[in-house]
Amino acid sequence: MASGKVTYIAFLVMFIVVCSDISSIVNAQAIKCCHDNAIGSCLTGSASDNERCNNLCGNCPQRKGGKCKLVDGGRHVCHCLC
């Protein structure tokens, strides 16, 4: 009987860990409004990259879109406007 409780508790802990890990992955991929977002390719001179960034940021409550921008360190990011 004790082994059944231990198995149940172990399964419950494992379930909680897996669920929290999945939610962190989903949240990590979500666009953050009013912030710089790493979305892969987002070159400032590329019309298609700017359009993709603008569309992704269009889901923000402000609905102002976004644009590719070059930040310190030479990284290109998608910046959602506020």
PDB file of N, CA and C in Angstrom:
ATOM      1  N   MET A   1       0.819  -1.191   0.000  1.00  0.00           N
ATOM      2  CA  MET A   1       0.000   0.000   0.000  1.00  0.00           C
ATOM      3  C   MET A   1       0.867   1.261   0.000  1.00  0.00           C
ATOM      4  N   ALA A   2       1.963   1.228   0.725  1.00  0.00           N
ATOM      5  CA  ALA A   2       2.853   2.390   0.761  1.00  0.00           C
ATOM      6  C   ALA A   2       3.499   2.630  -0.598  1.00  0.00           C
ATOM      7  N   SER A   3       3.803   1.543  -1.318  1.00  0.00           N
ATOM      8  CA  SER A   3       4.437   1.723  -2.629  1.00  0.00           C
ATOM      9  C   SER A   3       3.465   2.366  -3.622  1.00  0.00           C
ATOM     10  N   GLY A   4       2.182   2.123  -3.474  1.00  0.00           N
ATOM     11  CA  GLY A   4       1.180   2.750  -4.331  1.00  0.00           C
ATOM     12  C   GLY A   4       1.120   4.253  -4.111  1.00  0.00           C
ATOM     13  N   LYS A   5       1.225   4.676  -2.841  1.00  0.00           N
ATOM     14  CA  LYS A   5       1.219   6.106  -2.533  1.00  0.00           C
ATOM     15  C   LYS A   5       2.477   6.777  -3.071  1.00  0.00           C
ATOM     16  N   VAL A   6       3.609   6.087  -2.924  1.00  0.00           N
ATOM     17  CA  VAL A   6       4.873   6.643  -3.416  1.00  0.00           C
ATOM     18  C   VAL A   6       4.820   6.785  -4.938  1.00  0.00           C
ATOM     19  N   THR A   7       4.285   5.779  -5.607  1.00  0.00           N
ATOM     20  CA  THR A   7       4.162   5.831  -7.060  1.00  0.00           C
ATOM     21  C   THR A   7       3.236   6.968  -7.480  1.00  0.00           C
ATOM     22  N   TYR A   8       2.139   7.126  -6.783  1.00  0.00           N
ATOM     23  CA  TYR A   8       1.189   8.190  -7.083  1.00  0.00           C
ATOM     24  C   TYR A   8       1.838   9.560  -6.902  1.00  0.00           C
ATOM     25  N   ILE A   9       2.548   9.752  -5.800  1.00  0.00           N
ATOM     26  CA  ILE A   9       3.203  11.037  -5.531  1.00  0.00           C
ATOM     27  C   ILE A   9       4.289  11.310  -6.572  1.00  0.00           C
ATOM     28  N   ALA A  10       5.059  10.281  -6.924  1.00  0.00           N
ATOM     29  CA  ALA A  10       6.106  10.448  -7.934  1.00  0.00           C
ATOM     30  C   ALA A  10       5.494  10.829  -9.279  1.00  0.00           C
ATOM     31  N   PHE A  11       4.397  10.187  -9.647  1.00  0.00           N
ATOM     32  CA  PHE A  11       3.715  10.505 -10.898  1.00  0.00           C
ATOM     33  C   PHE A  11       3.181  11.934 -10.870  1.00  0.00           C
ATOM     34  N   LEU A  12       2.610  12.340  -9.755  1.00  0.00           N
ATOM     35  CA  LEU A  12       2.062  13.683  -9.620  1.00  0.00           C
ATOM     36  C   LEU A  12       3.163  14.738  -9.744  1.00  0.00           C
ATOM     37  N   VAL A  13       4.288  14.515  -9.093  1.00  0.00           N
ATOM     38  CA  VAL A  13       5.412  15.453  -9.178  1.00  0.00           C
ATOM     39  C   VAL A  13       5.928  15.531 -10.614  1.00  0.00           C
ATOM     40  N   MET A  14       6.057  14.387 -11.265  1.00  0.00           N
ATOM     41  CA  MET A  14       6.534  14.359 -12.639  1.00  0.00           C
ATOM     42  C   MET A  14       5.554  15.103 -13.560  1.00  0.00           C
ATOM     43  N   PHE A  15       4.274  14.937 -13.353  1.00  0.00           N
ATOM     44  CA  PHE A  15       3.260  15.624 -14.145  1.00  0.00           C
ATOM     45  C   PHE A  15       3.370  17.140 -13.978  1.00  0.00           C
ATOM     46  N   ILE A  16       3.563  17.597 -12.761  1.00  0.00           N
ATOM     47  CA  ILE A  16       3.689  19.032 -12.491  1.00  0.00           C
ATOM     48  C   ILE A  16       4.932  19.599 -13.172  1.00  0.00           C
ATOM     49  N   VAL A  17       6.035  18.867 -13.107  1.00  0.00           N
ATOM     50  CA  VAL A  17       7.279  19.323 -13.738  1.00  0.00           C
ATOM     51  C   VAL A  17       7.105  19.423 -15.249  1.00  0.00           C
ATOM     52  N   VAL A  18       6.504  18.425 -15.858  1.00  0.00           N
ATOM     53  CA  VAL A  18       6.301  18.433 -17.311  1.00  0.00           C
ATOM     54  C   VAL A  18       5.384  19.581 -17.713  1.00  0.00           C
ATOM     55  N   CYS A  19       4.316  19.801 -16.984  1.00  0.00           N
ATOM     56  CA  CYS A  19       3.385  20.883 -17.314  1.00  0.00           C
ATOM     57  C   CYS A  19       4.047  22.250 -17.186  1.00  0.00           C
ATOM     58  N   SER A  20       4.840  22.456 -16.156  1.00  0.00           N
ATOM     59  CA  SER A  20       5.497  23.749 -15.991  1.00  0.00           C
ATOM     60  C   SER A  20       6.542  23.966 -17.074  1.00  0.00           C
ATOM     61  N   ASP A  21       7.197  22.903 -17.513  1.00  0.00           N
ATOM     62  CA  ASP A  21       8.186  23.027 -18.579  1.00  0.00           C
ATOM     63  C   ASP A  21       7.511  23.380 -19.897  1.00  0.00           C
ATOM     64  N   ILE A  22       6.382  22.784 -20.185  1.00  0.00           N
ATOM     65  CA  ILE A  22       5.654  23.080 -21.424  1.00  0.00           C
ATOM     66  C   ILE A  22       5.176  24.525 -21.426  1.00  0.00           C
ATOM     67  N   SER A  23       4.679  25.015 -20.303  1.00  0.00           N
ATOM     68  CA  SER A  23       4.197  26.392 -20.265  1.00  0.00           C
ATOM     69  C   SER A  23       5.341  27.383 -20.422  1.00  0.00           C
ATOM     70  N   SER A  24       6.533  27.051 -19.921  1.00  0.00           N
ATOM     71  CA  SER A  24       7.667  27.962 -20.096  1.00  0.00           C
ATOM     72  C   SER A  24       8.099  28.010 -21.551  1.00  0.00           C
ATOM     73  N   ILE A  25       7.981  26.902 -22.267  1.00  0.00           N
ATOM     74  CA  ILE A  25       8.322  26.884 -23.692  1.00  0.00           C
ATOM     75  C   ILE A  25       7.313  27.713 -24.477  1.00  0.00           C
ATOM     76  N   VAL A  26       6.045  27.570 -24.178  1.00  0.00           N
ATOM     77  CA  VAL A  26       5.008  28.329 -24.876  1.00  0.00           C
ATOM     78  C   VAL A  26       5.183  29.816 -24.601  1.00  0.00           C
ATOM     79  N   ASN A  27       5.435  30.198 -23.354  1.00  0.00           N
ATOM     80  CA  ASN A  27       5.600  31.601 -23.009  1.00  0.00           C
ATOM     81  C   ASN A  27       6.873  32.183 -23.596  1.00  0.00           C
ATOM     82  N   ALA A  28       7.910  31.375 -23.732  1.00  0.00           N
ATOM     83  CA  ALA A  28       9.171  31.859 -24.284  1.00  0.00           C
ATOM     84  C   ALA A  28       9.027  32.212 -25.752  1.00  0.00           C
ATOM     85  N   GLN A  29       8.125  31.567 -26.461  1.00  0.00           N
ATOM     86  CA  GLN A  29       7.947  31.820 -27.875  1.00  0.00           C
ATOM     87  C   GLN A  29       6.919  32.911 -28.153  1.00  0.00           C
ATOM     88  N   ALA A  30       6.257  33.391 -27.137  1.00  0.00           N
ATOM     89  CA  ALA A  30       5.239  34.416 -27.327  1.00  0.00           C
ATOM     90  C   ALA A  30       5.904  35.770 -27.567  1.00  0.00           C
ATOM     91  N   ILE A  31       5.287  36.592 -28.392  1.00  0.00           N
ATOM     92  CA  ILE A  31       5.786  37.937 -28.652  1.00  0.00           C
ATOM     93  C   ILE A  31       5.506  38.801 -27.432  1.00  0.00           C
ATOM     94  N   LYS A  32       6.517  39.558 -27.018  1.00  0.00           N
ATOM     95  CA  LYS A  32       6.351  40.476 -25.895  1.00  0.00           C
ATOM     96  C   LYS A  32       6.119  41.869 -26.459  1.00  0.00           C
ATOM     97  N   CYS A  33       4.984  42.417 -26.141  1.00  0.00           N
ATOM     98  CA  CYS A  33       4.637  43.736 -26.641  1.00  0.00           C
ATOM     99  C   CYS A  33       5.523  44.799 -25.993  1.00  0.00           C
ATOM    100  N   CYS A  34       5.854  45.834 -26.751  1.00  0.00           N
ATOM    101  CA  CYS A  34       6.689  46.954 -26.298  1.00  0.00           C
ATOM    102  C   CYS A  34       8.105  46.518 -25.939  1.00  0.00           C
ATOM    103  N   HIS A  35       8.579  45.430 -26.527  1.00  0.00           N
ATOM    104  CA  HIS A  35       9.922  44.916 -26.255  1.00  0.00           C
ATOM    105  C   HIS A  35      10.577  44.466 -27.554  1.00  0.00           C
ATOM    106  N   ASP A  36      11.885  44.204 -27.439  1.00  0.00           N
ATOM    107  CA  ASP A  36      12.625  43.601 -28.539  1.00  0.00           C
ATOM    108  C   ASP A  36      12.430  42.097 -28.477  1.00  0.00           C
ATOM    109  N   ASN A  37      12.150  41.479 -29.604  1.00  0.00           N
ATOM    110  CA  ASN A  37      11.894  40.044 -29.674  1.00  0.00           C
ATOM    111  C   ASN A  37      12.824  39.400 -30.689  1.00  0.00           C
ATOM    112  N   ALA A  38      13.473  38.322 -30.282  1.00  0.00           N
ATOM    113  CA  ALA A  38      14.303  37.550 -31.203  1.00  0.00           C
ATOM    114  C   ALA A  38      13.381  36.594 -31.953  1.00  0.00           C
ATOM    115  N   ILE A  39      13.211  36.821 -33.237  1.00  0.00           N
ATOM    116  CA  ILE A  39      12.291  35.989 -34.025  1.00  0.00           C
ATOM    117  C   ILE A  39      13.014  35.265 -35.149  1.00  0.00           C
ATOM    118  N   GLY A  40      14.323  35.213 -35.060  1.00  0.00           N
ATOM    119  CA  GLY A  40      15.098  34.633 -36.150  1.00  0.00           C
ATOM    120  C   GLY A  40      15.569  35.755 -37.047  1.00  0.00           C
ATOM    121  N   SER A  41      15.395  35.607 -38.333  1.00  0.00           N
ATOM    122  CA  SER A  41      15.826  36.637 -39.274  1.00  0.00           C
ATOM    123  C   SER A  41      14.912  37.851 -39.179  1.00  0.00           C
ATOM    124  N   CYS A  42      15.513  39.009 -38.922  1.00  0.00           N
ATOM    125  CA  CYS A  42      14.749  40.259 -38.889  1.00  0.00           C
ATOM    126  C   CYS A  42      15.686  41.388 -39.305  1.00  0.00           C
ATOM    127  N   LEU A  43      16.070  41.387 -40.570  1.00  0.00           N
ATOM    128  CA  LEU A  43      16.993  42.391 -41.092  1.00  0.00           C
ATOM    129  C   LEU A  43      16.250  43.693 -41.353  1.00  0.00           C
ATOM    130  N   THR A  44      16.862  44.801 -40.954  1.00  0.00           N
ATOM    131  CA  THR A  44      16.192  46.099 -41.053  1.00  0.00           C
ATOM    132  C   THR A  44      15.859  46.486 -42.487  1.00  0.00           C
ATOM    133  N   GLY A  45      16.657  46.087 -43.454  1.00  0.00           N
ATOM    134  CA  GLY A  45      16.405  46.456 -44.844  1.00  0.00           C
ATOM    135  C   GLY A  45      15.522  45.485 -45.609  1.00  0.00           C
ATOM    136  N   SER A  46      15.076  44.434 -44.960  1.00  0.00           N
ATOM    137  CA  SER A  46      14.289  43.406 -45.639  1.00  0.00           C
ATOM    138  C   SER A  46      12.794  43.684 -45.489  1.00  0.00           C
ATOM    139  N   ALA A  47      12.133  43.896 -46.611  1.00  0.00           N
ATOM    140  CA  ALA A  47      10.692  44.175 -46.575  1.00  0.00           C
ATOM    141  C   ALA A  47       9.911  42.989 -46.015  1.00  0.00           C
ATOM    142  N   SER A  48      10.306  41.769 -46.379  1.00  0.00           N
ATOM    143  CA  SER A  48       9.561  40.595 -45.904  1.00  0.00           C
ATOM    144  C   SER A  48       9.766  40.380 -44.403  1.00  0.00           C
ATOM    145  N   ASP A  49      10.983  40.627 -43.892  1.00  0.00           N
ATOM    146  CA  ASP A  49      11.221  40.490 -42.450  1.00  0.00           C
ATOM    147  C   ASP A  49      10.448  41.549 -41.678  1.00  0.00           C
ATOM    148  N   ASN A  50      10.447  42.793 -42.184  1.00  0.00           N
ATOM    149  CA  ASN A  50       9.692  43.860 -41.524  1.00  0.00           C
ATOM    150  C   ASN A  50       8.197  43.569 -41.539  1.00  0.00           C
ATOM    151  N   GLU A  51       7.704  43.016 -42.628  1.00  0.00           N
ATOM    152  CA  GLU A  51       6.278  42.676 -42.713  1.00  0.00           C
ATOM    153  C   GLU A  51       5.924  41.570 -41.712  1.00  0.00           C
ATOM    154  N   ARG A  52       6.802  40.558 -41.605  1.00  0.00           N
ATOM    155  CA  ARG A  52       6.560  39.469 -40.648  1.00  0.00           C
ATOM    156  C   ARG A  52       6.566  40.004 -39.219  1.00  0.00           C
ATOM    157  N   CYS A  53       7.535  40.866 -38.895  1.00  0.00           N
ATOM    158  CA  CYS A  53       7.609  41.474 -37.564  1.00  0.00           C
ATOM    159  C   CYS A  53       6.356  42.300 -37.292  1.00  0.00           C
ATOM    160  N   ASN A  54       5.948  43.102 -38.256  1.00  0.00           N
ATOM    161  CA  ASN A  54       4.761  43.936 -38.102  1.00  0.00           C
ATOM    162  C   ASN A  54       3.513  43.089 -37.860  1.00  0.00           C
ATOM    163  N   ASN A  55       3.393  41.979 -38.573  1.00  0.00           N
ATOM    164  CA  ASN A  55       2.239  41.091 -38.396  1.00  0.00           C
ATOM    165  C   ASN A  55       2.256  40.422 -37.030  1.00  0.00           C
ATOM    166  N   LEU A  56       3.429  39.979 -36.572  1.00  0.00           N
ATOM    167  CA  LEU A  56       3.523  39.350 -35.252  1.00  0.00           C
ATOM    168  C   LEU A  56       3.148  40.337 -34.152  1.00  0.00           C
ATOM    169  N   CYS A  57       3.610  41.566 -34.285  1.00  0.00           N
ATOM    170  CA  CYS A  57       3.317  42.579 -33.267  1.00  0.00           C
ATOM    171  C   CYS A  57       1.889  43.103 -33.374  1.00  0.00           C
ATOM    172  N   GLY A  58       1.211  42.807 -34.458  1.00  0.00           N
ATOM    173  CA  GLY A  58      -0.173  43.239 -34.620  1.00  0.00           C
ATOM    174  C   GLY A  58      -1.117  42.583 -33.630  1.00  0.00           C
ATOM    175  N   ASN A  59      -0.664  41.520 -32.971  1.00  0.00           N
ATOM    176  CA  ASN A  59      -1.487  40.849 -31.961  1.00  0.00           C
ATOM    177  C   ASN A  59      -1.412  41.533 -30.608  1.00  0.00           C
ATOM    178  N   CYS A  60      -0.542  42.524 -30.462  1.00  0.00           N
ATOM    179  CA  CYS A  60      -0.425  43.249 -29.195  1.00  0.00           C
ATOM    180  C   CYS A  60      -1.663  44.122 -28.992  1.00  0.00           C
ATOM    181  N   PRO A  61      -2.016  44.399 -27.739  1.00  0.00           N
ATOM    182  CA  PRO A  61      -3.202  45.227 -27.477  1.00  0.00           C
ATOM    183  C   PRO A  61      -3.122  46.622 -28.109  1.00  0.00           C
ATOM    184  N   GLN A  62      -1.904  47.166 -28.228  1.00  0.00           N
ATOM    185  CA  GLN A  62      -1.755  48.511 -28.791  1.00  0.00           C
ATOM    186  C   GLN A  62      -2.028  48.536 -30.291  1.00  0.00           C
ATOM    187  N   ARG A  63      -1.862  47.403 -30.972  1.00  0.00           N
ATOM    188  CA  ARG A  63      -2.098  47.256 -32.410  1.00  0.00           C
ATOM    189  C   ARG A  63      -1.327  48.286 -33.249  1.00  0.00           C
ATOM    190  N   LYS A  64      -0.096  48.604 -32.811  1.00  0.00           N
ATOM    191  CA  LYS A  64       0.722  49.556 -33.559  1.00  0.00           C
ATOM    192  C   LYS A  64       1.735  48.862 -34.448  1.00  0.00           C
ATOM    193  N   GLY A  65       1.791  47.539 -34.396  1.00  0.00           N
ATOM    194  CA  GLY A  65       2.718  46.800 -35.240  1.00  0.00           C
ATOM    195  C   GLY A  65       4.129  46.824 -34.703  1.00  0.00           C
ATOM    196  N   GLY A  66       5.068  46.533 -35.581  1.00  0.00           N
ATOM    197  CA  GLY A  66       6.464  46.499 -35.174  1.00  0.00           C
ATOM    198  C   GLY A  66       7.380  46.624 -36.368  1.00  0.00           C
ATOM    199  N   LYS A  67       8.673  46.716 -36.082  1.00  0.00           N
ATOM    200  CA  LYS A  67       9.668  46.836 -37.143  1.00  0.00           C
ATOM    201  C   LYS A  67      10.961  46.187 -36.689  1.00  0.00           C
ATOM    202  N   CYS A  68      11.743  45.725 -37.664  1.00  0.00           N
ATOM    203  CA  CYS A  68      13.051  45.154 -37.370  1.00  0.00           C
ATOM    204  C   CYS A  68      13.992  46.276 -36.974  1.00  0.00           C
ATOM    205  N   LYS A  69      14.863  45.980 -36.018  1.00  0.00           N
ATOM    206  CA  LYS A  69      15.791  47.001 -35.574  1.00  0.00           C
ATOM    207  C   LYS A  69      17.108  46.355 -35.186  1.00  0.00           C
ATOM    208  N   LEU A  70      18.194  47.103 -35.347  1.00  0.00           N
ATOM    209  CA  LEU A  70      19.537  46.663 -34.997  1.00  0.00           C
ATOM    210  C   LEU A  70      19.837  47.165 -33.592  1.00  0.00           C
ATOM    211  N   VAL A  71      20.222  46.263 -32.691  1.00  0.00           N
ATOM    212  CA  VAL A  71      20.529  46.642 -31.311  1.00  0.00           C
ATOM    213  C   VAL A  71      22.017  46.439 -31.043  1.00  0.00           C
ATOM    214  N   ASP A  72      22.459  46.867 -29.860  1.00  0.00           N
ATOM    215  CA  ASP A  72      23.858  46.720 -29.471  1.00  0.00           C
ATOM    216  C   ASP A  72      24.315  45.285 -29.649  1.00  0.00           C
ATOM    217  N   GLY A  73      25.525  45.119 -30.094  1.00  0.00           N
ATOM    218  CA  GLY A  73      26.058  43.785 -30.314  1.00  0.00           C
ATOM    219  C   GLY A  73      25.803  43.279 -31.725  1.00  0.00           C
ATOM    220  N   GLY A  74      25.158  44.100 -32.557  1.00  0.00           N
ATOM    221  CA  GLY A  74      24.917  43.708 -33.936  1.00  0.00           C
ATOM    222  C   GLY A  74      23.766  42.737 -34.139  1.00  0.00           C
ATOM    223  N   ARG A  75      22.927  42.572 -33.114  1.00  0.00           N
ATOM    224  CA  ARG A  75      21.780  41.670 -33.243  1.00  0.00           C
ATOM    225  C   ARG A  75      20.617  42.401 -33.897  1.00  0.00           C
ATOM    226  N   HIS A  76      19.885  41.686 -34.719  1.00  0.00           N
ATOM    227  CA  HIS A  76      18.669  42.209 -35.337  1.00  0.00           C
ATOM    228  C   HIS A  76      17.484  41.614 -34.592  1.00  0.00           C
ATOM    229  N   VAL A  77      16.569  42.461 -34.136  1.00  0.00           N
ATOM    230  CA  VAL A  77      15.404  42.010 -33.376  1.00  0.00           C
ATOM    231  C   VAL A  77      14.140  42.641 -33.954  1.00  0.00           C
ATOM    232  N   CYS A  78      13.028  42.075 -33.575  1.00  0.00           N
ATOM    233  CA  CYS A  78      11.722  42.624 -33.935  1.00  0.00           C
ATOM    234  C   CYS A  78      11.237  43.444 -32.743  1.00  0.00           C
ATOM    235  N   HIS A  79      11.055  44.743 -32.941  1.00  0.00           N
ATOM    236  CA  HIS A  79      10.601  45.610 -31.853  1.00  0.00           C
ATOM    237  C   HIS A  79       9.126  45.929 -32.040  1.00  0.00           C
ATOM    238  N   CYS A  80       8.333  45.536 -31.051  1.00  0.00           N
ATOM    239  CA  CYS A  80       6.900  45.835 -31.078  1.00  0.00           C
ATOM    240  C   CYS A  80       6.678  47.232 -30.510  1.00  0.00           C
ATOM    241  N   LEU A  81       6.027  48.071 -31.279  1.00  0.00           N
ATOM    242  CA  LEU A  81       5.815  49.466 -30.897  1.00  0.00           C
ATOM    243  C   LEU A  81       4.736  49.589 -29.832  1.00  0.00           C
ATOM    244  N   CYS A  82       4.862  50.641 -29.030  1.00  0.00           N
ATOM    245  CA  CYS A  82       3.876  50.911 -27.965  1.00  0.00           C
ATOM    246  C   CYS A  82       3.013  52.093 -28.337  1.00  0.00           C
TER     247      CYS A  82
END
